[in-house]
Amino acid sequence: AGATATALAVVRECCGPPPYSVLRSVRSAALYFDFYLEVVAAALPGVSAGDYSRNMREAGSKLPQPLLASLHAAFSPMEFRAALLPRATFLHFGSLAEYAAAVAAVAT
């Protein structure tokens, strides 16, 4: 019951007024998470919940600890394979339909 109450309090804090919806909260910018930082890292094999939480804090995650714990619990069984780079730049080219215009913009 204690974990459920804590999770509910975090959802209330992050997701605004009822009805609680993570999708609505992300769309309204009340909740923000970085897919590559919080989700992909949660699914990497051999990373304990404690190490994941510490790594997220050091990388600048703004998600509350209970939400990070939930992400790790949900995604860690998937065991993604990835290479963590110390410094990288991500270029978002958009959808397939937007790709040509994005490449042209980067080339100029």
N, C-alpha and C. Protein backbone atom coordinates (compact mmCIF):
# COMPACT_ATOMS: atom_id res chain seq x y z
N ALA A 1 0.82 -1.19 0.00
CA ALA A 1 0.00 0.00 0.00
C ALA A 1 0.86 1.25 0.00
N GLY A 2 2.00 1.24 0.69
CA GLY A 2 2.88 2.40 0.74
C GLY A 2 3.45 2.77 -0.62
N ALA A 3 3.88 1.75 -1.39
CA ALA A 3 4.42 2.01 -2.73
C ALA A 3 3.34 2.56 -3.65
N THR A 4 2.12 2.04 -3.53
CA THR A 4 1.02 2.53 -4.35
C THR A 4 0.70 3.98 -4.03
N ALA A 5 0.68 4.33 -2.77
CA ALA A 5 0.41 5.71 -2.37
C ALA A 5 1.51 6.64 -2.87
N THR A 6 2.75 6.20 -2.80
CA THR A 6 3.87 7.00 -3.29
C THR A 6 3.76 7.19 -4.80
N ALA A 7 3.46 6.12 -5.53
CA ALA A 7 3.32 6.21 -6.98
C ALA A 7 2.18 7.16 -7.35
N LEU A 8 1.07 7.08 -6.65
CA LEU A 8 -0.06 7.96 -6.92
C LEU A 8 0.31 9.41 -6.64
N ALA A 9 1.04 9.67 -5.58
CA ALA A 9 1.47 11.04 -5.27
C ALA A 9 2.37 11.59 -6.37
N VAL A 10 3.25 10.75 -6.89
CA VAL A 10 4.15 11.17 -7.97
C VAL A 10 3.34 11.46 -9.23
N VAL A 11 2.38 10.61 -9.55
CA VAL A 11 1.54 10.83 -10.73
C VAL A 11 0.79 12.15 -10.58
N ARG A 12 0.25 12.41 -9.42
CA ARG A 12 -0.46 13.67 -9.18
C ARG A 12 0.47 14.86 -9.39
N GLU A 13 1.70 14.75 -8.88
CA GLU A 13 2.66 15.83 -8.98
C GLU A 13 3.07 16.07 -10.44
N CYS A 14 3.31 15.00 -11.18
CA CYS A 14 3.84 15.11 -12.53
C CYS A 14 2.77 15.32 -13.60
N CYS A 15 1.61 14.79 -13.39
CA CYS A 15 0.63 14.72 -14.46
C CYS A 15 -0.53 15.70 -14.33
N GLY A 16 -0.48 16.59 -13.37
CA GLY A 16 -1.52 17.59 -13.27
C GLY A 16 -2.82 17.04 -12.72
N PRO A 17 -3.91 17.77 -12.98
CA PRO A 17 -5.19 17.38 -12.40
C PRO A 17 -5.78 16.14 -13.07
N PRO A 18 -6.72 15.47 -12.38
CA PRO A 18 -7.37 14.30 -12.97
C PRO A 18 -8.15 14.71 -14.22
N PRO A 19 -8.43 13.83 -15.13
CA PRO A 19 -8.01 12.42 -15.11
C PRO A 19 -6.53 12.31 -15.43
N TYR A 20 -5.81 11.49 -14.68
CA TYR A 20 -4.38 11.35 -14.86
C TYR A 20 -4.08 10.59 -16.14
N SER A 21 -3.24 11.17 -16.96
CA SER A 21 -2.85 10.54 -18.21
C SER A 21 -1.43 10.95 -18.54
N VAL A 22 -0.55 9.98 -18.68
CA VAL A 22 0.83 10.28 -19.03
C VAL A 22 0.87 10.93 -20.41
N LEU A 23 0.10 10.39 -21.37
CA LEU A 23 0.08 10.96 -22.72
C LEU A 23 -0.39 12.40 -22.71
N ARG A 24 -1.46 12.70 -21.99
CA ARG A 24 -1.96 14.08 -21.90
C ARG A 24 -0.92 14.98 -21.25
N SER A 25 -0.26 14.46 -20.24
CA SER A 25 0.75 15.25 -19.53
C SER A 25 1.96 15.54 -20.41
N VAL A 26 2.36 14.57 -21.23
CA VAL A 26 3.48 14.80 -22.15
C VAL A 26 3.07 15.81 -23.21
N ARG A 27 1.86 15.65 -23.76
CA ARG A 27 1.39 16.58 -24.79
C ARG A 27 1.27 18.01 -24.27
N SER A 28 0.92 18.17 -23.02
CA SER A 28 0.76 19.51 -22.44
C SER A 28 2.06 20.04 -21.85
N ALA A 29 3.12 19.26 -21.92
CA ALA A 29 4.44 19.61 -21.38
C ALA A 29 4.46 19.65 -19.85
N ALA A 30 3.46 19.07 -19.20
CA ALA A 30 3.49 18.96 -17.74
C ALA A 30 4.47 17.87 -17.32
N LEU A 31 4.71 16.92 -18.21
CA LEU A 31 5.65 15.83 -17.95
C LEU A 31 6.55 15.70 -19.16
N TYR A 32 7.84 15.61 -18.94
CA TYR A 32 8.79 15.47 -20.03
C TYR A 32 9.75 14.34 -19.68
N PHE A 33 9.98 13.47 -20.65
CA PHE A 33 11.04 12.49 -20.49
C PHE A 33 11.74 12.33 -21.82
N ASP A 34 12.99 11.96 -21.77
CA ASP A 34 13.80 11.76 -22.96
C ASP A 34 13.86 10.26 -23.23
N PHE A 35 13.35 9.86 -24.38
CA PHE A 35 13.29 8.43 -24.71
C PHE A 35 14.67 7.77 -24.61
N TYR A 36 15.67 8.41 -25.17
CA TYR A 36 16.99 7.79 -25.17
C TYR A 36 17.63 7.81 -23.80
N LEU A 37 17.40 8.85 -23.06
CA LEU A 37 18.01 8.91 -21.73
C LEU A 37 17.30 7.99 -20.76
N GLU A 38 16.03 8.22 -20.49
CA GLU A 38 15.35 7.47 -19.44
C GLU A 38 14.85 6.08 -19.86
N VAL A 39 14.33 5.95 -21.08
CA VAL A 39 13.74 4.66 -21.48
C VAL A 39 14.78 3.68 -21.98
N VAL A 40 15.58 4.07 -22.96
CA VAL A 40 16.59 3.14 -23.48
C VAL A 40 17.57 2.73 -22.39
N ALA A 41 18.00 3.69 -21.58
CA ALA A 41 18.94 3.35 -20.50
C ALA A 41 18.30 2.39 -19.50
N ALA A 42 17.00 2.49 -19.30
CA ALA A 42 16.32 1.58 -18.37
C ALA A 42 16.31 0.15 -18.89
N ALA A 43 16.42 -0.02 -20.20
CA ALA A 43 16.33 -1.34 -20.79
C ALA A 43 17.69 -1.99 -21.06
N LEU A 44 18.77 -1.33 -20.65
CA LEU A 44 20.09 -1.92 -20.86
C LEU A 44 20.34 -3.03 -19.84
N PRO A 45 20.92 -4.14 -20.28
CA PRO A 45 21.14 -5.26 -19.36
C PRO A 45 22.24 -4.97 -18.35
N GLY A 46 22.11 -5.57 -17.18
CA GLY A 46 23.15 -5.52 -16.17
C GLY A 46 23.23 -4.22 -15.39
N VAL A 47 22.23 -3.36 -15.52
CA VAL A 47 22.23 -2.10 -14.78
C VAL A 47 21.21 -2.22 -13.66
N SER A 48 21.68 -2.15 -12.43
CA SER A 48 20.78 -2.26 -11.29
C SER A 48 19.89 -1.03 -11.20
N ALA A 49 18.81 -1.14 -10.46
CA ALA A 49 17.90 0.00 -10.27
C ALA A 49 18.63 1.17 -9.62
N GLY A 50 19.50 0.89 -8.67
CA GLY A 50 20.26 1.95 -8.01
C GLY A 50 21.22 2.64 -8.95
N ASP A 51 21.94 1.85 -9.76
CA ASP A 51 22.87 2.44 -10.72
C ASP A 51 22.12 3.25 -11.77
N TYR A 52 20.97 2.71 -12.23
CA TYR A 52 20.16 3.43 -13.21
C TYR A 52 19.72 4.78 -12.65
N SER A 53 19.22 4.79 -11.43
CA SER A 53 18.76 6.03 -10.81
C SER A 53 19.91 7.03 -10.68
N ARG A 54 21.05 6.58 -10.23
CA ARG A 54 22.22 7.46 -10.08
C ARG A 54 22.65 7.99 -11.44
N ASN A 55 22.71 7.11 -12.45
CA ASN A 55 23.09 7.53 -13.79
C ASN A 55 22.13 8.58 -14.35
N MET A 56 20.85 8.41 -14.08
CA MET A 56 19.85 9.36 -14.58
C MET A 56 20.03 10.73 -13.93
N ARG A 57 20.28 10.73 -12.63
CA ARG A 57 20.50 12.00 -11.93
C ARG A 57 21.74 12.69 -12.49
N GLU A 58 22.83 11.94 -12.67
CA GLU A 58 24.08 12.51 -13.19
C GLU A 58 23.91 13.02 -14.62
N ALA A 59 23.03 12.38 -15.40
CA ALA A 59 22.80 12.78 -16.79
C ALA A 59 21.79 13.91 -16.92
N GLY A 60 21.18 14.31 -15.80
CA GLY A 60 20.29 15.45 -15.82
C GLY A 60 18.81 15.15 -15.90
N SER A 61 18.42 13.90 -15.68
CA SER A 61 16.99 13.57 -15.69
C SER A 61 16.25 14.37 -14.62
N LYS A 62 15.10 14.87 -14.98
CA LYS A 62 14.27 15.63 -14.05
C LYS A 62 13.12 14.80 -13.49
N LEU A 63 13.02 13.52 -13.88
CA LEU A 63 11.93 12.68 -13.40
C LEU A 63 12.10 12.36 -11.92
N PRO A 64 11.02 12.34 -11.17
CA PRO A 64 11.12 11.96 -9.75
C PRO A 64 11.60 10.52 -9.60
N GLN A 65 12.26 10.25 -8.50
CA GLN A 65 12.82 8.93 -8.23
C GLN A 65 11.79 7.80 -8.40
N PRO A 66 10.57 7.91 -7.88
CA PRO A 66 9.62 6.81 -8.06
C PRO A 66 9.27 6.54 -9.52
N LEU A 67 9.25 7.59 -10.35
CA LEU A 67 8.99 7.39 -11.78
C LEU A 67 10.18 6.70 -12.44
N LEU A 68 11.39 7.08 -12.07
CA LEU A 68 12.58 6.40 -12.59
C LEU A 68 12.57 4.93 -12.19
N ALA A 69 12.21 4.65 -10.95
CA ALA A 69 12.15 3.25 -10.49
C ALA A 69 11.12 2.47 -11.30
N SER A 70 10.00 3.10 -11.61
CA SER A 70 8.96 2.43 -12.41
C SER A 70 9.44 2.16 -13.83
N LEU A 71 10.13 3.13 -14.42
CA LEU A 71 10.66 2.93 -15.77
C LEU A 71 11.67 1.78 -15.78
N HIS A 72 12.55 1.76 -14.79
CA HIS A 72 13.54 0.68 -14.73
C HIS A 72 12.86 -0.67 -14.57
N ALA A 73 11.89 -0.74 -13.68
CA ALA A 73 11.18 -2.01 -13.46
C ALA A 73 10.44 -2.47 -14.71
N ALA A 74 9.89 -1.53 -15.46
CA ALA A 74 9.11 -1.90 -16.65
C ALA A 74 10.00 -2.28 -17.83
N PHE A 75 11.12 -1.60 -18.02
CA PHE A 75 11.92 -1.80 -19.22
C PHE A 75 13.15 -2.67 -19.04
N SER A 76 13.66 -2.85 -17.83
CA SER A 76 14.90 -3.62 -17.65
C SER A 76 14.79 -5.07 -18.12
N PRO A 77 13.62 -5.72 -18.03
CA PRO A 77 13.56 -7.09 -18.55
C PRO A 77 13.75 -7.21 -20.06
N MET A 78 13.62 -6.11 -20.80
CA MET A 78 13.75 -6.15 -22.26
C MET A 78 15.19 -6.34 -22.72
N GLU A 79 16.14 -5.89 -21.92
CA GLU A 79 17.57 -6.04 -22.21
C GLU A 79 17.95 -5.59 -23.62
N PHE A 80 17.77 -4.29 -23.89
CA PHE A 80 18.21 -3.70 -25.16
C PHE A 80 19.72 -3.82 -25.26
N ARG A 81 20.22 -3.71 -26.44
CA ARG A 81 21.66 -3.66 -26.68
C ARG A 81 21.96 -2.27 -27.23
N ALA A 82 22.93 -1.60 -26.66
CA ALA A 82 23.28 -0.25 -27.09
C ALA A 82 24.70 0.06 -26.65
N ALA A 83 25.24 1.08 -27.25
CA ALA A 83 26.55 1.59 -26.85
C ALA A 83 26.34 2.98 -26.26
N LEU A 84 26.80 3.18 -25.05
CA LEU A 84 26.69 4.48 -24.42
C LEU A 84 27.93 5.31 -24.79
N LEU A 85 27.69 6.46 -25.36
CA LEU A 85 28.78 7.33 -25.78
C LEU A 85 28.92 8.48 -24.81
N PRO A 86 30.16 8.87 -24.50
CA PRO A 86 30.34 9.95 -23.53
C PRO A 86 29.82 11.29 -24.05
N ARG A 87 29.99 11.56 -25.33
CA ARG A 87 29.51 12.81 -25.92
C ARG A 87 28.99 12.49 -27.31
N ALA A 88 27.76 12.85 -27.56
CA ALA A 88 27.17 12.58 -28.88
C ALA A 88 26.14 13.66 -29.18
N THR A 89 25.90 13.84 -30.46
CA THR A 89 24.87 14.76 -30.91
C THR A 89 23.84 13.96 -31.68
N PHE A 90 22.59 14.21 -31.36
CA PHE A 90 21.51 13.51 -32.03
C PHE A 90 20.87 14.46 -33.02
N LEU A 91 20.84 14.08 -34.28
CA LEU A 91 20.19 14.87 -35.30
C LEU A 91 18.85 14.23 -35.62
N HIS A 92 17.79 14.93 -35.35
CA HIS A 92 16.45 14.40 -35.63
C HIS A 92 16.04 14.80 -37.03
N PHE A 93 15.83 13.82 -37.89
CA PHE A 93 15.45 14.09 -39.28
C PHE A 93 13.95 14.01 -39.49
N GLY A 94 13.19 13.77 -38.46
CA GLY A 94 11.73 13.72 -38.60
C GLY A 94 11.25 12.41 -39.16
N SER A 95 10.06 12.45 -39.71
CA SER A 95 9.46 11.26 -40.30
C SER A 95 10.08 11.01 -41.67
N LEU A 96 9.76 9.89 -42.28
CA LEU A 96 10.27 9.59 -43.61
C LEU A 96 9.87 10.68 -44.61
N ALA A 97 8.65 11.19 -44.46
CA ALA A 97 8.19 12.25 -45.35
C ALA A 97 8.98 13.55 -45.17
N GLU A 98 9.50 13.79 -43.97
CA GLU A 98 10.26 15.01 -43.68
C GLU A 98 11.76 14.86 -43.93
N TYR A 99 12.21 13.65 -44.20
CA TYR A 99 13.64 13.35 -44.27
C TYR A 99 14.37 14.18 -45.33
N ALA A 100 13.84 14.25 -46.55
CA ALA A 100 14.54 14.95 -47.64
C ALA A 100 14.76 16.41 -47.28
N ALA A 101 13.73 17.08 -46.75
CA ALA A 101 13.87 18.49 -46.39
C ALA A 101 14.87 18.66 -45.24
N ALA A 102 14.87 17.72 -44.29
CA ALA A 102 15.80 17.80 -43.17
C ALA A 102 17.25 17.64 -43.63
N VAL A 103 17.49 16.70 -44.54
CA VAL A 103 18.84 16.49 -45.07
C VAL A 103 19.29 17.73 -45.82
N ALA A 104 18.40 18.32 -46.61
CA ALA A 104 18.75 19.52 -47.36
C ALA A 104 19.10 20.67 -46.40
N ALA A 105 18.36 20.78 -45.31
CA ALA A 105 18.61 21.84 -44.33
C ALA A 105 19.96 21.65 -43.64
N VAL A 106 20.33 20.42 -43.33
CA VAL A 106 21.61 20.14 -42.69
C VAL A 106 22.76 20.38 -43.68
N ALA A 107 22.54 20.09 -44.95
CA ALA A 107 23.59 20.22 -45.97
C ALA A 107 23.91 21.67 -46.26
N THR A 108 22.98 22.58 -46.01
CA THR A 108 23.23 23.99 -46.35
C THR A 108 23.73 24.78 -45.18
